[in-house]
N, C-alpha and C. Protein backbone atom coordinates (compact mmCIF):
# COMPACT_ATOMS: atom_id res chain seq x y z
N MET A 1 0.79 -1.04 -0.10
CA MET A 1 0.21 -0.24 -0.10
C MET A 1 0.86 1.27 0.02
N ALA A 2 0.83 2.01 -1.02
CA ALA A 2 1.50 3.15 -1.10
C ALA A 2 0.88 3.93 -0.20
N GLN A 3 1.93 5.16 0.42
CA GLN A 3 1.44 6.21 1.40
C GLN A 3 1.25 7.63 0.61
N SER A 4 0.22 8.33 1.02
CA SER A 4 -0.07 9.57 -0.12
C SER A 4 0.34 10.17 1.00
N GLU A 5 1.42 11.45 -0.13
CA GLU A 5 1.61 12.81 0.31
C GLU A 5 0.50 13.97 0.28
N ILE A 6 0.59 14.81 1.50
CA ILE A 6 0.09 16.08 1.34
C ILE A 6 0.83 17.07 1.21
N SER A 7 0.36 18.01 0.25
CA SER A 7 1.32 19.37 0.36
C SER A 7 0.49 20.87 1.12
N VAL A 8 0.70 21.01 1.80
CA VAL A 8 0.35 22.64 2.28
C VAL A 8 0.95 24.00 2.22
N ASN A 9 0.63 24.64 1.69
CA ASN A 9 1.34 25.82 1.91
C ASN A 9 1.27 26.55 3.03
N ILE A 10 2.50 26.92 4.09
CA ILE A 10 2.25 27.78 4.98
C ILE A 10 1.10 28.91 4.83
N SER A 11 1.08 29.61 3.68
CA SER A 11 0.04 30.79 3.80
C SER A 11 -1.40 30.24 3.86
N GLN A 12 -1.64 29.00 3.60
CA GLN A 12 -3.12 28.09 3.55
C GLN A 12 -3.49 28.38 4.64
N LEU A 13 -2.82 27.92 6.06
CA LEU A 13 -2.59 27.64 7.39
C LEU A 13 -3.99 29.07 8.09
N PRO A 14 -4.52 28.27 8.92
CA PRO A 14 -5.21 29.35 9.74
C PRO A 14 -4.44 30.24 10.59
N GLN A 15 -4.71 31.36 10.68
CA GLN A 15 -3.95 32.30 11.90
C GLN A 15 -4.39 32.30 13.14
N ILE A 16 -3.83 32.82 14.15
CA ILE A 16 -4.17 32.93 15.72
C ILE A 16 -3.76 34.72 15.71
N GLN A 17 -4.41 34.63 16.95
CA GLN A 17 -4.62 36.33 17.29
C GLN A 17 -3.12 36.54 18.37
N GLN A 18 -3.05 35.52 18.66
CA GLN A 18 -2.14 35.44 20.36
C GLN A 18 -1.56 34.42 20.41
N ILE A 19 -0.30 34.48 20.92
CA ILE A 19 0.63 33.48 20.82
C ILE A 19 0.96 32.95 22.35
N SER A 20 1.09 31.75 22.88
CA SER A 20 1.70 31.35 24.49
C SER A 20 2.50 30.16 24.59
N PRO A 21 2.96 30.12 25.73
CA PRO A 21 4.02 29.10 25.90
C PRO A 21 3.30 27.59 25.58
N GLY A 22 4.36 26.73 24.94
CA GLY A 22 3.24 25.62 24.84
C GLY A 22 2.55 26.13 22.99
N ASN A 23 2.45 26.63 22.33
CA ASN A 23 2.37 26.71 20.63
C ASN A 23 3.49 26.36 20.23
N LEU A 24 3.57 26.27 18.96
CA LEU A 24 5.12 25.85 18.43
C LEU A 24 5.21 26.99 17.41
N LEU A 25 6.33 26.89 16.77
CA LEU A 25 7.20 27.82 15.67
C LEU A 25 7.46 26.93 14.73
N ILE A 26 7.42 27.04 13.68
CA ILE A 26 8.66 26.53 12.52
C ILE A 26 9.16 26.92 12.00
N VAL A 27 10.67 26.23 12.30
CA VAL A 27 11.64 26.60 11.91
C VAL A 27 12.48 26.04 11.05
N ASN A 28 12.99 26.54 9.59
CA ASN A 28 13.08 25.79 8.70
C ASN A 28 14.64 26.17 8.47
N THR A 29 15.91 25.41 8.85
CA THR A 29 17.01 25.65 8.81
C THR A 29 17.51 24.49 7.47
N SER A 30 19.03 24.58 7.28
CA SER A 30 19.59 23.71 6.31
C SER A 30 19.70 22.38 6.38
N ASN A 31 19.42 21.97 7.88
CA ASN A 31 19.83 20.54 8.21
C ASN A 31 18.35 20.19 8.66
N GLY A 32 17.53 21.36 8.07
CA GLY A 32 15.49 20.20 8.10
C GLY A 32 14.89 21.37 8.70
N THR A 33 13.65 20.77 8.76
CA THR A 33 12.61 21.58 9.58
C THR A 33 11.88 21.09 11.02
N TYR A 34 11.85 21.89 11.44
CA TYR A 34 12.07 21.70 13.04
C TYR A 34 10.68 22.51 13.69
N THR A 35 10.90 22.46 14.63
CA THR A 35 9.56 23.18 15.82
C THR A 35 10.12 23.98 16.75
N ILE A 36 10.14 24.88 17.36
CA ILE A 36 10.27 25.40 18.60
C ILE A 36 9.18 25.94 19.59
N ASP A 37 9.13 25.50 20.71
CA ASP A 37 7.87 25.96 22.17
C ASP A 37 8.24 27.16 21.88
N PHE A 38 7.12 27.95 22.08
CA PHE A 38 7.29 29.51 22.19
C PHE A 38 7.58 30.02 23.73
N ALA A 39 7.59 28.88 24.41
CA ALA A 39 8.30 29.29 25.79
C ALA A 39 10.07 29.42 25.71
N ASN A 40 10.33 28.76 24.75
CA ASN A 40 11.87 28.68 24.46
C ASN A 40 12.45 30.03 23.40
N PHE A 41 11.61 30.36 22.82
CA PHE A 41 12.00 31.29 21.80
C PHE A 41 12.45 32.69 22.48
N ILE A 42 13.51 32.59 22.22
CA ILE A 42 13.79 34.46 23.12
C ILE A 42 14.60 35.27 22.24
N ILE A 43 14.02 36.46 22.43
CA ILE A 43 14.88 37.48 21.37
C ILE A 43 15.62 38.19 22.58
N THR A 44 17.28 38.69 21.81
CA THR A 44 18.11 38.83 22.35
C THR A 44 18.51 40.10 21.41
N PRO A 45 19.62 40.96 21.80
CA PRO A 45 20.13 42.02 21.46
C PRO A 45 20.97 41.63 19.64
N ASN A 46 21.14 40.50 19.74
CA ASN A 46 21.91 40.45 18.65
C ASN A 46 21.32 39.67 17.56
N ASN A 47 19.62 39.22 17.89
CA ASN A 47 18.61 38.69 16.99
C ASN A 47 17.89 40.18 16.26
N THR A 48 18.19 40.94 16.70
CA THR A 48 17.16 42.12 16.79
C THR A 48 17.58 43.39 15.51
N THR A 49 16.56 43.90 14.77
CA THR A 49 17.28 45.09 13.85
C THR A 49 16.89 46.12 14.65
N PHE A 50 15.97 46.47 15.64
CA PHE A 50 15.34 47.49 17.11
C PHE A 50 16.40 48.01 17.68
N TYR A 51 17.41 46.78 18.56
CA TYR A 51 18.27 46.96 19.24
C TYR A 51 18.74 48.56 19.51
N PRO A 52 19.58 48.80 18.68
CA PRO A 52 19.97 50.20 18.50
C PRO A 52 19.19 51.19 19.41
N MET A 53 17.69 51.28 18.76
CA MET A 53 16.84 52.52 19.23
C MET A 53 16.24 52.18 20.50
N LEU A 54 16.30 50.26 20.81
CA LEU A 54 15.45 50.40 22.14
C LEU A 54 17.11 50.84 23.33
N SER A 55 18.19 50.60 22.95
CA SER A 55 19.09 50.84 23.96
C SER A 55 19.28 52.50 24.22
N ALA A 56 19.32 53.25 22.74
CA ALA A 56 19.54 54.62 22.92
C ALA A 56 18.19 55.31 23.43
N THR A 57 17.23 55.07 23.54
CA THR A 57 15.75 55.10 24.27
C THR A 57 15.89 54.85 26.21
N THR A 58 16.64 53.85 26.44
CA THR A 58 17.26 53.51 27.47
C THR A 58 18.01 54.29 28.15
N ILE A 59 19.20 54.55 27.50
CA ILE A 59 20.11 55.86 27.83
C ILE A 59 19.31 57.21 28.05
N ALA A 60 18.38 57.47 26.74
CA ALA A 60 18.00 58.43 27.45
C ALA A 60 16.97 58.77 28.36
N VAL A 61 16.10 57.85 28.95
CA VAL A 61 15.33 57.87 29.83
C VAL A 61 16.21 57.92 31.08
N ALA A 62 17.06 57.45 31.05
CA ALA A 62 18.43 57.03 32.33
C ALA A 62 18.70 58.54 32.70
N SER A 63 19.21 59.10 31.28
CA SER A 63 19.78 60.69 31.66
C SER A 63 18.96 61.34 31.84
N LEU A 64 17.54 61.30 31.96
CA LEU A 64 16.39 62.47 31.77
C LEU A 64 16.44 61.95 33.63
N SER A 65 16.00 60.80 33.82
CA SER A 65 15.86 60.65 35.08
C SER A 65 16.87 61.13 36.40
N ALA A 66 18.22 61.15 35.85
CA ALA A 66 19.37 61.86 36.55
C ALA A 66 19.45 63.33 36.42
N SER A 67 18.90 63.96 35.39
CA SER A 67 18.82 65.30 35.39
C SER A 67 17.77 65.56 36.09
N THR A 68 16.42 65.19 36.13
CA THR A 68 15.14 65.76 36.96
C THR A 68 15.56 65.44 38.44
N ASN A 69 16.26 64.27 38.85
CA ASN A 69 16.97 64.04 40.32
C ASN A 69 17.81 64.90 40.57
N SER A 70 18.39 65.26 39.78
CA SER A 70 19.90 66.39 40.31
C SER A 70 18.93 68.03 40.42
N LYS A 71 17.79 68.12 39.64
CA LYS A 71 17.60 69.61 39.54
C LYS A 71 16.34 69.60 41.11
N LEU A 72 16.03 68.22 41.32
CA LEU A 72 14.90 68.31 42.43
C LEU A 72 15.82 68.55 43.80
N ALA A 73 16.70 67.85 43.74
CA ALA A 73 18.17 68.05 44.81
C ALA A 73 18.31 69.43 44.81
N ASP A 74 18.85 70.17 43.53
CA ASP A 74 18.89 71.62 43.65
C ASP A 74 17.80 72.48 44.06
N LEU A 75 16.41 72.16 43.90
CA LEU A 75 15.19 72.80 44.44
C LEU A 75 15.23 72.62 45.77
N SER A 76 15.56 71.42 46.36
CA SER A 76 15.21 71.32 47.95
C SER A 76 16.45 72.05 48.56
N ALA A 77 17.61 71.99 48.09
CA ALA A 77 18.37 72.71 48.28
C ALA A 77 18.57 74.01 48.65
N ALA A 78 17.59 74.70 47.52
CA ALA A 78 17.44 76.38 47.70
C ALA A 78 16.21 76.49 48.32
N VAL A 79 15.32 75.72 48.53
CA VAL A 79 13.86 75.65 49.58
C VAL A 79 14.67 75.99 51.09
N ASP A 80 15.95 74.77 51.22
CA ASP A 80 16.26 74.55 52.52
C ASP A 80 17.32 75.85 52.89
N ALA A 81 17.68 76.24 52.30
CA ALA A 81 18.56 77.52 52.40
C ALA A 81 17.62 78.46 52.43
N ALA A 82 16.45 78.57 51.86
CA ALA A 82 15.61 79.80 51.84
C ALA A 82 14.68 80.02 53.10
N TYR A 83 14.55 79.04 53.56
CA TYR A 83 13.13 78.64 54.67
C TYR A 83 13.60 77.43 55.42
N ASP A 84 13.40 77.92 56.68
CA ASP A 84 13.60 76.67 57.59
C ASP A 84 12.81 75.48 57.16
N LYS A 85 11.85 75.59 57.12
CA LYS A 85 10.66 74.58 57.34
C LYS A 85 9.62 74.68 56.08
N ILE A 86 8.88 73.55 55.63
CA ILE A 86 7.70 73.57 54.81
C ILE A 86 6.73 72.79 55.22
N TYR A 87 5.25 73.43 55.42
CA TYR A 87 4.06 73.13 56.31
C TYR A 87 3.48 72.31 54.81
N ILE A 88 2.78 71.08 54.68
CA ILE A 88 2.05 70.48 53.39
C ILE A 88 0.92 70.15 54.58
N GLY A 89 -0.58 70.92 54.31
CA GLY A 89 -1.56 70.26 54.70
C GLY A 89 -2.48 69.87 53.71
N GLN A 90 -3.47 69.28 54.05
CA GLN A 90 -4.41 68.81 53.56
C GLN A 90 -5.86 68.40 54.18
N ALA A 91 -7.41 68.20 53.43
CA ALA A 91 -8.37 68.27 54.00
C ALA A 91 -9.09 67.66 52.66
N ASN A 92 -9.95 66.90 53.19
CA ASN A 92 -11.10 66.85 52.08
C ASN A 92 -12.41 67.14 52.81
N ILE A 93 -13.40 67.97 52.02
CA ILE A 93 -14.74 68.41 52.48
C ILE A 93 -15.75 67.76 51.90
N SER A 94 -16.74 67.77 52.14
CA SER A 94 -18.18 67.70 51.49
C SER A 94 -18.95 68.82 51.75
N ILE A 95 -19.69 69.19 50.66
CA ILE A 95 -20.16 70.89 51.14
C ILE A 95 -21.61 70.70 50.23
N ASN A 96 -22.66 71.14 51.11
CA ASN A 96 -23.98 71.15 50.60
C ASN A 96 -23.80 72.40 49.53
N ASN A 97 -24.34 72.58 48.08
CA ASN A 97 -24.25 73.44 47.42
C ASN A 97 -25.20 74.67 47.93
N GLY A 98 -24.72 75.73 48.00
CA GLY A 98 -25.41 77.24 48.03
C GLY A 98 -25.07 77.42 49.86
N SER A 99 -24.13 76.95 50.43
CA SER A 99 -23.85 76.66 51.82
C SER A 99 -22.34 77.04 52.01
N SER A 100 -21.90 77.21 53.14
CA SER A 100 -20.73 77.00 53.84
C SER A 100 -20.33 75.77 54.49
N GLN A 101 -18.98 75.23 54.57
CA GLN A 101 -18.74 74.30 55.51
C GLN A 101 -17.36 74.37 55.84
N SER A 102 -16.85 74.05 57.32
CA SER A 102 -15.65 74.13 57.73
C SER A 102 -14.99 72.86 58.14
N ILE A 103 -13.72 73.00 58.03
CA ILE A 103 -12.76 71.67 58.28
C ILE A 103 -11.50 72.41 58.68
N ASN A 104 -11.03 71.33 59.58
CA ASN A 104 -9.76 71.62 60.01
C ASN A 104 -8.62 70.87 59.10
N LEU A 105 -7.55 71.78 58.52
CA LEU A 105 -6.56 71.15 57.99
C LEU A 105 -5.54 69.78 58.97
N ASN A 106 -5.05 68.94 57.93
CA ASN A 106 -4.21 67.90 59.03
C ASN A 106 -2.87 67.60 57.77
N PRO A 107 -1.83 67.83 58.80
CA PRO A 107 -1.77 67.77 60.05
C PRO A 107 -2.13 69.49 60.46
N THR A 108 -2.36 69.91 61.66
CA THR A 108 -2.74 71.01 62.21
C THR A 108 -1.20 72.05 61.77
N PRO A 109 -1.52 73.01 61.07
CA PRO A 109 -0.56 74.15 61.03
C PRO A 109 0.44 74.19 62.52
N PRO A 110 2.09 74.12 62.33
CA PRO A 110 2.70 74.61 63.35
C PRO A 110 2.57 76.14 64.07
N THR A 111 2.54 76.29 65.20
CA THR A 111 2.24 77.66 66.15
C THR A 111 3.54 78.58 65.29
N GLY A 112 2.66 79.78 65.25
CA GLY A 112 3.39 80.34 64.60
C GLY A 112 3.22 80.66 62.67
N ILE A 113 2.64 79.69 62.30
CA ILE A 113 2.50 80.10 60.57
C ILE A 113 1.06 80.34 60.62
N THR A 114 0.77 81.21 59.64
CA THR A 114 -0.24 81.82 59.59
C THR A 114 -0.87 81.45 58.02
N ILE A 115 -2.00 80.80 57.68
CA ILE A 115 -2.50 80.47 56.40
C ILE A 115 -3.47 81.52 55.92
N ALA A 116 -2.91 82.12 54.86
CA ALA A 116 -4.52 82.50 54.45
C ALA A 116 -4.83 82.16 53.56
N THR A 117 -6.27 83.18 53.04
CA THR A 117 -7.21 82.09 52.19
C THR A 117 -6.67 81.63 50.63
N THR A 118 -5.57 82.60 50.43
CA THR A 118 -4.98 82.50 49.14
C THR A 118 -3.93 81.24 49.02
N ASP A 119 -3.47 80.98 50.43
CA ASP A 119 -2.92 79.76 50.57
C ASP A 119 -3.35 78.41 50.25
N VAL A 120 -4.83 78.22 50.14
CA VAL A 120 -5.28 77.08 50.03
C VAL A 120 -5.70 77.11 48.84
N VAL A 121 -5.21 75.90 48.08
CA VAL A 121 -5.51 75.58 46.45
C VAL A 121 -7.05 74.29 46.82
N VAL A 122 -7.97 74.43 46.16
CA VAL A 122 -9.49 74.16 46.19
C VAL A 122 -9.27 73.23 44.62
N THR A 123 -9.42 71.91 45.23
CA THR A 123 -9.83 70.87 43.59
C THR A 123 -10.54 70.07 43.65
N PRO A 124 -11.84 70.25 43.09
CA PRO A 124 -13.00 69.40 42.75
C PRO A 124 -12.35 67.95 43.04
N SER A 125 -13.55 66.94 43.62
CA SER A 125 -12.99 65.66 43.75
C SER A 125 -14.49 64.91 43.06
N ASN A 126 -15.34 65.56 42.65
CA ASN A 126 -16.49 64.91 41.85
C ASN A 126 -17.15 65.94 41.01
N ALA A 127 -18.06 64.89 39.90
CA ALA A 127 -18.69 66.29 39.19
C ALA A 127 -19.40 67.32 39.42
N VAL A 128 -20.29 66.99 40.83
CA VAL A 128 -20.77 67.89 41.55
C VAL A 128 -20.14 69.59 41.67
N ALA A 129 -19.06 69.47 42.38
CA ALA A 129 -17.82 70.15 42.34
C ALA A 129 -17.26 71.00 41.20
N VAL A 130 -17.05 70.10 40.00
CA VAL A 130 -16.49 70.84 38.99
C VAL A 130 -17.75 71.52 38.46
N LEU A 131 -18.69 71.34 38.73
CA LEU A 131 -20.15 72.52 37.98
C LEU A 131 -20.01 73.39 38.94
N SER A 132 -20.15 72.93 40.13
CA SER A 132 -20.51 74.07 41.17
C SER A 132 -19.59 75.01 41.82
N GLY A 133 -18.61 74.50 42.01
CA GLY A 133 -17.06 75.51 42.11
C GLY A 133 -17.30 75.76 43.59
N ALA A 134 -16.15 76.41 44.29
CA ALA A 134 -16.18 76.71 45.60
C ALA A 134 -14.95 77.49 45.73
N TYR A 135 -15.01 78.60 46.77
CA TYR A 135 -13.94 79.57 47.20
C TYR A 135 -13.75 79.37 48.82
N VAL A 136 -12.74 79.56 49.00
CA VAL A 136 -11.88 79.40 50.14
C VAL A 136 -12.65 80.94 51.07
N SER A 137 -13.76 81.27 51.48
CA SER A 137 -13.99 82.33 52.33
C SER A 137 -13.45 82.96 53.86
N ALA A 138 -13.01 81.77 54.42
CA ALA A 138 -12.06 82.01 55.66
C ALA A 138 -10.87 81.01 55.99
N VAL A 139 -10.32 81.54 56.72
CA VAL A 139 -8.84 80.36 57.24
C VAL A 139 -9.18 81.12 58.65
N THR A 140 -9.30 80.61 59.58
CA THR A 140 -8.79 80.68 60.99
C THR A 140 -8.41 79.85 61.84
N GLY A 141 -6.87 79.96 61.65
CA GLY A 141 -5.76 78.73 62.82
C GLY A 141 -5.99 77.47 61.57
N PRO A 142 -6.31 76.35 61.98
CA PRO A 142 -6.25 75.36 61.08
C PRO A 142 -7.67 75.02 60.13
N MET A 143 -8.76 75.78 60.84
CA MET A 143 -9.67 75.63 60.70
C MET A 143 -10.13 76.43 58.98
N VAL A 144 -10.43 75.80 58.23
CA VAL A 144 -10.78 76.66 56.21
C VAL A 144 -12.09 76.28 56.54
N THR A 145 -12.44 77.77 55.82
CA THR A 145 -14.19 77.62 55.69
C THR A 145 -14.18 77.53 53.90
N LEU A 146 -15.19 76.83 53.86
CA LEU A 146 -15.04 76.45 52.05
C LEU A 146 -16.76 76.94 52.04
N THR A 147 -16.85 78.15 50.60
CA THR A 147 -18.37 78.33 50.38
C THR A 147 -18.34 77.67 49.10
N SER A 148 -19.84 77.36 48.71
CA SER A 148 -19.84 77.12 47.45
C SER A 148 -21.47 77.70 46.92
N PRO A 149 -21.56 78.82 46.40
CA PRO A 149 -22.34 79.54 45.90
C PRO A 149 -23.59 79.29 45.26
N TYR A 150 -23.43 77.83 44.82
CA TYR A 150 -24.60 77.61 43.77
C TYR A 150 -25.41 76.39 44.29
N LEU A 151 -26.43 76.07 43.57
CA LEU A 151 -27.37 75.44 44.20
C LEU A 151 -27.77 74.22 43.14
N TYR A 152 -27.21 73.02 44.17
CA TYR A 152 -27.47 71.49 42.93
C TYR A 152 -28.05 70.68 44.39
N THR A 153 -28.68 69.73 44.13
CA THR A 153 -29.39 68.67 44.69
C THR A 153 -28.37 67.72 45.51
N THR A 154 -26.86 67.57 44.86
CA THR A 154 -26.04 66.73 45.39
C THR A 154 -25.09 67.62 46.01
N ALA A 155 -24.26 66.84 47.21
CA ALA A 155 -23.22 67.57 47.93
C ALA A 155 -22.21 67.58 46.74
N ALA A 156 -20.98 68.70 46.97
CA ALA A 156 -20.05 68.38 46.39
C ALA A 156 -18.91 68.64 47.13
N THR A 157 -17.95 67.27 46.56
CA THR A 157 -16.62 67.20 47.45
C THR A 157 -15.80 68.19 46.62
N PHE A 158 -14.70 68.58 47.39
CA PHE A 158 -13.04 69.18 47.19
C PHE A 158 -12.07 68.66 48.04
N ASN A 159 -10.80 68.46 47.30
CA ASN A 159 -9.42 68.38 48.23
C ASN A 159 -9.00 69.61 48.84
N LEU A 160 -8.45 70.08 49.85
CA LEU A 160 -7.93 71.49 49.96
C LEU A 160 -6.16 70.85 50.52
N HIS A 161 -5.59 71.67 49.65
CA HIS A 161 -4.02 71.62 49.60
C HIS A 161 -3.87 72.97 50.11
N VAL A 162 -2.65 72.86 51.24
CA VAL A 162 -1.81 73.95 51.50
C VAL A 162 -0.26 73.78 51.52
N ILE A 163 0.97 74.48 50.73
CA ILE A 163 1.97 74.36 50.92
C ILE A 163 2.61 75.44 51.23
N LYS A 164 3.06 75.77 52.34
CA LYS A 164 3.89 76.72 52.85
C LYS A 164 4.94 76.68 53.66
N THR A 165 5.74 77.68 53.24
CA THR A 165 7.27 77.80 53.95
C THR A 165 7.25 78.70 54.75
N TYR A 166 7.95 78.46 55.98
CA TYR A 166 7.89 79.15 57.32
C TYR A 166 9.39 79.57 57.82
């Protein structure tokens, strides 16, 4: 009984959208045709055409990172030289629109530091806050009073931040 041969062109095979370990790749060499498990298929700098671009990008990112770190160190040193300390305070507040609400900053500002209404940065943290807006109407010690002049049915929430040197 004669064995029949079947000839299939690779372009006629169905395609897959994703390859995973356990899938096989076909490799044709001068010694024959073989398979290799995708888990054992390793791409190295020696067998890619784009390695120089990756290497240059890696060097550029490292350089940018070093430059940024250096500039932050310079900025920190300049702030330390100009001021003794920095106070960073924050609070999250929910306010019924068309009213005022007060909240203490956390942590409490140190004795001797005065927080002005212009020192407080107000950032909306929900959609109603974006629509309604609010302003700092008073600061008394660690207590910040936020006022929302617009009327909405849902409370608006805001983040308050203070960064102050003293």
